[in-house]
């Protein structure tokens, strides 16, 4: 039968695995957002001068969302 120490170790291993998964997902999201931003800047070079709210409205109107 598993001792209290072994149960605690198993719990910590599970928590560490979950943290690694969350960090992996966060890094993948960050990479995706950076890539999408780069594409947006490439297609619309003057986008750097536009405020985020104005960009959102422009894209909504353009895409009819």
PDB file of N, CA and C in Angstrom:
ATOM      1  N   UNK A   1       0.846  -1.191   0.000  1.00  0.00           N
ATOM      2  CA  UNK A   1       0.000   0.000   0.000  1.00  0.00           C
ATOM      3  C   UNK A   1       0.881   1.240   0.000  1.00  0.00           C
ATOM      4  N   UNK A   2       0.462   2.270  -0.731  1.00  0.00           N
ATOM      5  CA  UNK A   2       1.259   3.491  -0.867  1.00  0.00           C
ATOM      6  C   UNK A   2       1.284   4.254   0.454  1.00  0.00           C
ATOM      7  N   UNK A   3       2.449   4.726   0.756  1.00  0.00           N
ATOM      8  CA  UNK A   3       2.578   5.519   1.975  1.00  0.00           C
ATOM      9  C   UNK A   3       2.138   6.946   1.719  1.00  0.00           C
ATOM     10  N   UNK A   4       1.979   7.678   2.786  1.00  0.00           N
ATOM     11  CA  UNK A   4       1.580   9.086   2.675  1.00  0.00           C
ATOM     12  C   UNK A   4       2.616   9.870   1.869  1.00  0.00           C
ATOM     13  N   UNK A   5       3.882   9.549   2.064  1.00  0.00           N
ATOM     14  CA  UNK A   5       4.960  10.228   1.340  1.00  0.00           C
ATOM     15  C   UNK A   5       4.855   9.946  -0.159  1.00  0.00           C
ATOM     16  N   UNK A   6       4.578   8.694  -0.527  1.00  0.00           N
ATOM     17  CA  UNK A   6       4.451   8.345  -1.945  1.00  0.00           C
ATOM     18  C   UNK A   6       3.249   9.039  -2.579  1.00  0.00           C
ATOM     19  N   UNK A   7       2.157   9.124  -1.834  1.00  0.00           N
ATOM     20  CA  UNK A   7       0.974   9.820  -2.339  1.00  0.00           C
ATOM     21  C   UNK A   7       1.256  11.302  -2.565  1.00  0.00           C
ATOM     22  N   UNK A   8       1.968  11.889  -1.625  1.00  0.00           N
ATOM     23  CA  UNK A   8       2.329  13.296  -1.756  1.00  0.00           C
ATOM     24  C   UNK A   8       3.246  13.517  -2.954  1.00  0.00           C
ATOM     25  N   UNK A   9       4.196  12.608  -3.152  1.00  0.00           N
ATOM     26  CA  UNK A   9       5.101  12.716  -4.305  1.00  0.00           C
ATOM     27  C   UNK A   9       4.326  12.587  -5.621  1.00  0.00           C
ATOM     28  N   UNK A  10       3.381  11.668  -5.655  1.00  0.00           N
ATOM     29  CA  UNK A  10       2.571  11.485  -6.863  1.00  0.00           C
ATOM     30  C   UNK A  10       1.756  12.737  -7.144  1.00  0.00           C
ATOM     31  N   UNK A  11       1.222  13.337  -6.094  1.00  0.00           N
ATOM     32  CA  UNK A  11       0.444  14.570  -6.249  1.00  0.00           C
ATOM     33  C   UNK A  11       1.317  15.680  -6.817  1.00  0.00           C
ATOM     34  N   UNK A  12       2.537  15.805  -6.308  1.00  0.00           N
ATOM     35  CA  UNK A  12       3.448  16.848  -6.786  1.00  0.00           C
ATOM     36  C   UNK A  12       3.860  16.601  -8.239  1.00  0.00           C
ATOM     37  N   UNK A  13       4.074  15.332  -8.594  1.00  0.00           N
ATOM     38  CA  UNK A  13       4.420  15.019  -9.988  1.00  0.00           C
ATOM     39  C   UNK A  13       3.275  15.409 -10.920  1.00  0.00           C
ATOM     40  N   UNK A  14       2.053  15.131 -10.499  1.00  0.00           N
ATOM     41  CA  UNK A  14       0.883  15.500 -11.295  1.00  0.00           C
ATOM     42  C   UNK A  14       0.784  17.014 -11.433  1.00  0.00           C
ATOM     43  N   UNK A  15       0.966  17.743 -10.340  1.00  0.00           N
ATOM     44  CA  UNK A  15       0.908  19.209 -10.382  1.00  0.00           C
ATOM     45  C   UNK A  15       1.991  19.774 -11.289  1.00  0.00           C
ATOM     46  N   UNK A  16       3.193  19.196 -11.223  1.00  0.00           N
ATOM     47  CA  UNK A  16       4.285  19.664 -12.086  1.00  0.00           C
ATOM     48  C   UNK A  16       3.971  19.398 -13.556  1.00  0.00           C
ATOM     49  N   UNK A  17       3.397  18.251 -13.851  1.00  0.00           N
ATOM     50  CA  UNK A  17       3.026  17.936 -15.232  1.00  0.00           C
ATOM     51  C   UNK A  17       1.962  18.910 -15.726  1.00  0.00           C
ATOM     52  N   UNK A  18       0.999  19.227 -14.872  1.00  0.00           N
ATOM     53  CA  UNK A  18      -0.038  20.186 -15.248  1.00  0.00           C
ATOM     54  C   UNK A  18       0.554  21.572 -15.480  1.00  0.00           C
ATOM     55  N   UNK A  19       1.511  21.963 -14.646  1.00  0.00           N
ATOM     56  CA  UNK A  19       2.166  23.270 -14.844  1.00  0.00           C
ATOM     57  C   UNK A  19       2.928  23.294 -16.159  1.00  0.00           C
ATOM     58  N   UNK A  20       3.616  22.201 -16.479  1.00  0.00           N
ATOM     59  CA  UNK A  20       4.351  22.144 -17.756  1.00  0.00           C
ATOM     60  C   UNK A  20       3.386  22.255 -18.927  1.00  0.00           C
ATOM     61  N   UNK A  21       2.237  21.578 -18.829  1.00  0.00           N
ATOM     62  CA  UNK A  21       1.233  21.656 -19.901  1.00  0.00           C
ATOM     63  C   UNK A  21       0.709  23.073 -20.065  1.00  0.00           C
ATOM     64  N   UNK A  22       0.410  23.739 -18.941  1.00  0.00           N
ATOM     65  CA  UNK A  22      -0.093  25.121 -19.008  1.00  0.00           C
ATOM     66  C   UNK A  22       0.951  26.048 -19.627  1.00  0.00           C
ATOM     67  N   UNK A  23       2.209  25.860 -19.240  1.00  0.00           N
ATOM     68  CA  UNK A  23       3.264  26.715 -19.788  1.00  0.00           C
ATOM     69  C   UNK A  23       3.442  26.452 -21.276  1.00  0.00           C
ATOM     70  N   UNK A  24       3.364  25.196 -21.678  1.00  0.00           N
ATOM     71  CA  UNK A  24       3.488  24.845 -23.093  1.00  0.00           C
ATOM     72  C   UNK A  24       2.356  25.494 -23.896  1.00  0.00           C
ATOM     73  N   UNK A  25       1.134  25.430 -23.384  1.00  0.00           N
ATOM     74  CA  UNK A  25      -0.016  26.057 -24.052  1.00  0.00           C
ATOM     75  C   UNK A  25       0.151  27.574 -24.120  1.00  0.00           C
ATOM     76  N   UNK A  26       0.643  28.174 -23.024  1.00  0.00           N
ATOM     77  CA  UNK A  26       0.834  29.627 -22.989  1.00  0.00           C
ATOM     78  C   UNK A  26       1.873  30.051 -24.021  1.00  0.00           C
ATOM     79  N   UNK A  27       2.976  29.290 -24.102  1.00  0.00           N
ATOM     80  CA  UNK A  27       4.021  29.630 -25.074  1.00  0.00           C
ATOM     81  C   UNK A  27       3.530  29.462 -26.503  1.00  0.00           C
ATOM     82  N   UNK A  28       2.724  28.428 -26.747  1.00  0.00           N
ATOM     83  CA  UNK A  28       2.174  28.218 -28.090  1.00  0.00           C
ATOM     84  C   UNK A  28       1.242  29.375 -28.461  1.00  0.00           C
ATOM     85  N   UNK A  29       0.431  29.826 -27.501  1.00  0.00           N
ATOM     86  CA  UNK A  29      -0.481  30.946 -27.752  1.00  0.00           C
ATOM     87  C   UNK A  29       0.309  32.227 -28.032  1.00  0.00           C
ATOM     88  N   UNK A  30       1.336  32.462 -27.230  1.00  0.00           N
ATOM     89  CA  UNK A  30       2.170  33.655 -27.421  1.00  0.00           C
ATOM     90  C   UNK A  30       2.807  33.647 -28.803  1.00  0.00           C
ATOM     91  N   UNK A  31       3.333  32.500 -29.201  1.00  0.00           N
ATOM     92  CA  UNK A  31       3.964  32.380 -30.521  1.00  0.00           C
ATOM     93  C   UNK A  31       2.950  32.655 -31.629  1.00  0.00           C
ATOM     94  N   UNK A  32       1.747  32.075 -31.483  1.00  0.00           N
ATOM     95  CA  UNK A  32       0.695  32.279 -32.484  1.00  0.00           C
ATOM     96  C   UNK A  32       0.307  33.753 -32.585  1.00  0.00           C
ATOM     97  N   UNK A  33       0.154  34.413 -31.427  1.00  0.00           N
ATOM     98  CA  UNK A  33      -0.218  35.829 -31.440  1.00  0.00           C
ATOM     99  C   UNK A  33       0.863  36.686 -32.089  1.00  0.00           C
ATOM    100  N   UNK A  34       2.113  36.371 -31.822  1.00  0.00           N
ATOM    101  CA  UNK A  34       3.218  37.121 -32.435  1.00  0.00           C
ATOM    102  C   UNK A  34       3.217  36.922 -33.945  1.00  0.00           C
ATOM    103  N   UNK A  35       3.025  35.687 -34.376  1.00  0.00           N
ATOM    104  CA  UNK A  35       3.003  35.405 -35.815  1.00  0.00           C
ATOM    105  C   UNK A  35       1.833  36.107 -36.497  1.00  0.00           C
ATOM    106  N   UNK A  36       0.672  36.077 -35.865  1.00  0.00           N
ATOM    107  CA  UNK A  36      -0.492  36.749 -36.454  1.00  0.00           C
ATOM    108  C   UNK A  36      -0.279  38.259 -36.515  1.00  0.00           C
ATOM    109  N   UNK A  37       0.332  38.821 -35.482  1.00  0.00           N
ATOM    110  CA  UNK A  37       0.634  40.247 -35.483  1.00  0.00           C
ATOM    111  C   UNK A  37       1.618  40.602 -36.590  1.00  0.00           C
ATOM    112  N   UNK A  38       2.592  39.730 -36.805  1.00  0.00           N
ATOM    113  CA  UNK A  38       3.577  39.969 -37.865  1.00  0.00           C
ATOM    114  C   UNK A  38       2.911  39.949 -39.239  1.00  0.00           C
ATOM    115  N   UNK A  39       1.989  39.027 -39.430  1.00  0.00           N
ATOM    116  CA  UNK A  39       1.263  38.966 -40.709  1.00  0.00           C
ATOM    117  C   UNK A  39       0.444  40.230 -40.888  1.00  0.00           C
ATOM    118  N   UNK A  40      -0.219  40.662 -39.843  1.00  0.00           N
ATOM    119  CA  UNK A  40      -1.034  41.876 -39.913  1.00  0.00           C
ATOM    120  C   UNK A  40      -0.168  43.084 -40.283  1.00  0.00           C
ATOM    121  N   UNK A  41       1.001  43.199 -39.653  1.00  0.00           N
ATOM    122  CA  UNK A  41       1.905  44.310 -39.986  1.00  0.00           C
ATOM    123  C   UNK A  41       2.430  44.215 -41.407  1.00  0.00           C
ATOM    124  N   UNK A  42       2.628  43.005 -41.884  1.00  0.00           N
ATOM    125  CA  UNK A  42       3.128  42.825 -43.247  1.00  0.00           C
ATOM    126  C   UNK A  42       2.073  43.251 -44.271  1.00  0.00           C
ATOM    127  N   UNK A  43       0.824  42.871 -44.013  1.00  0.00           N
ATOM    128  CA  UNK A  43      -0.266  43.182 -44.932  1.00  0.00           C
ATOM    129  C   UNK A  43      -0.675  44.651 -44.846  1.00  0.00           C
ATOM    130  N   UNK A  44      -0.667  45.188 -43.624  1.00  0.00           N
ATOM    131  CA  UNK A  44      -1.041  46.588 -43.398  1.00  0.00           C
ATOM    132  C   UNK A  44       0.124  47.303 -42.711  1.00  0.00           C
ATOM    133  N   UNK A  45       1.111  47.754 -43.464  1.00  0.00           N
ATOM    134  CA  UNK A  45       2.334  48.321 -42.876  1.00  0.00           C
ATOM    135  C   UNK A  45       2.094  49.504 -41.936  1.00  0.00           C
ATOM    136  N   UNK A  46       1.044  50.279 -42.170  1.00  0.00           N
ATOM    137  CA  UNK A  46       0.792  51.454 -41.331  1.00  0.00           C
ATOM    138  C   UNK A  46       0.047  51.104 -40.043  1.00  0.00           C
ATOM    139  N   UNK A  47      -0.161  49.838 -39.797  1.00  0.00           N
ATOM    140  CA  UNK A  47      -0.942  49.393 -38.656  1.00  0.00           C
ATOM    141  C   UNK A  47      -0.305  49.798 -37.323  1.00  0.00           C
ATOM    142  N   UNK A  48       0.997  50.000 -37.309  1.00  0.00           N
ATOM    143  CA  UNK A  48       1.706  50.358 -36.074  1.00  0.00           C
ATOM    144  C   UNK A  48       1.200  51.675 -35.489  1.00  0.00           C
ATOM    145  N   UNK A  49       0.654  52.520 -36.344  1.00  0.00           N
ATOM    146  CA  UNK A  49       0.196  53.836 -35.907  1.00  0.00           C
ATOM    147  C   UNK A  49      -1.278  53.850 -35.506  1.00  0.00           C
ATOM    148  N   UNK A  50      -1.960  52.719 -35.666  1.00  0.00           N
ATOM    149  CA  UNK A  50      -3.393  52.638 -35.371  1.00  0.00           C
ATOM    150  C   UNK A  50      -3.593  52.106 -33.954  1.00  0.00           C
ATOM    151  N   UNK A  51      -4.526  52.720 -33.236  1.00  0.00           N
ATOM    152  CA  UNK A  51      -4.833  52.241 -31.886  1.00  0.00           C
ATOM    153  C   UNK A  51      -5.594  50.925 -31.970  1.00  0.00           C
ATOM    154  N   UNK A  52      -5.475  50.132 -30.938  1.00  0.00           N
ATOM    155  CA  UNK A  52      -6.069  48.798 -30.920  1.00  0.00           C
ATOM    156  C   UNK A  52      -7.581  48.843 -31.132  1.00  0.00           C
ATOM    157  N   UNK A  53      -8.259  49.767 -30.466  1.00  0.00           N
ATOM    158  CA  UNK A  53      -9.716  49.873 -30.621  1.00  0.00           C
ATOM    159  C   UNK A  53     -10.102  50.187 -32.062  1.00  0.00           C
ATOM    160  N   UNK A  54      -9.367  51.099 -32.676  1.00  0.00           N
ATOM    161  CA  UNK A  54      -9.655  51.468 -34.060  1.00  0.00           C
ATOM    162  C   UNK A  54      -9.378  50.293 -34.996  1.00  0.00           C
ATOM    163  N   UNK A  55      -8.332  49.561 -34.726  1.00  0.00           N
ATOM    164  CA  UNK A  55      -8.011  48.384 -35.530  1.00  0.00           C
ATOM    165  C   UNK A  55      -9.119  47.345 -35.421  1.00  0.00           C
ATOM    166  N   UNK A  56      -9.589  47.123 -34.202  1.00  0.00           N
ATOM    167  CA  UNK A  56     -10.669  46.152 -33.994  1.00  0.00           C
ATOM    168  C   UNK A  56     -11.919  46.552 -34.774  1.00  0.00           C
ATOM    169  N   UNK A  57     -12.286  47.814 -34.688  1.00  0.00           N
ATOM    170  CA  UNK A  57     -13.466  48.294 -35.413  1.00  0.00           C
ATOM    171  C   UNK A  57     -13.275  48.163 -36.921  1.00  0.00           C
ATOM    172  N   UNK A  58     -12.088  48.509 -37.399  1.00  0.00           N
ATOM    173  CA  UNK A  58     -11.786  48.405 -38.827  1.00  0.00           C
ATOM    174  C   UNK A  58     -11.931  46.962 -39.311  1.00  0.00           C
ATOM    175  N   UNK A  59     -11.365  46.044 -38.558  1.00  0.00           N
ATOM    176  CA  UNK A  59     -11.420  44.634 -38.957  1.00  0.00           C
ATOM    177  C   UNK A  59     -12.854  44.085 -38.887  1.00  0.00           C
ATOM    178  N   UNK A  60     -13.592  44.492 -37.866  1.00  0.00           N
ATOM    179  CA  UNK A  60     -14.989  44.060 -37.771  1.00  0.00           C
ATOM    180  C   UNK A  60     -15.782  44.549 -38.970  1.00  0.00           C
ATOM    181  N   UNK A  61     -15.587  45.795 -39.329  1.00  0.00           N
ATOM    182  CA  UNK A  61     -16.312  46.376 -40.472  1.00  0.00           C
ATOM    183  C   UNK A  61     -15.866  45.684 -41.759  1.00  0.00           C
ATOM    184  N   UNK A  62     -14.578  45.466 -41.906  1.00  0.00           N
ATOM    185  CA  UNK A  62     -14.038  44.833 -43.103  1.00  0.00           C
ATOM    186  C   UNK A  62     -14.582  43.411 -43.261  1.00  0.00           C
ATOM    187  N   UNK A  63     -14.671  42.698 -42.156  1.00  0.00           N
ATOM    188  CA  UNK A  63     -15.109  41.310 -42.183  1.00  0.00           C
ATOM    189  C   UNK A  63     -16.599  41.151 -41.937  1.00  0.00           C
ATOM    190  N   UNK A  64     -17.268  42.260 -41.665  1.00  0.00           N
ATOM    191  CA  UNK A  64     -18.712  42.262 -41.398  1.00  0.00           C
ATOM    192  C   UNK A  64     -19.080  41.310 -40.259  1.00  0.00           C
ATOM    193  N   UNK A  65     -18.347  41.455 -39.170  1.00  0.00           N
ATOM    194  CA  UNK A  65     -18.604  40.618 -37.981  1.00  0.00           C
ATOM    195  C   UNK A  65     -19.545  41.366 -37.042  1.00  0.00           C
TER     196      UNK A  65
END
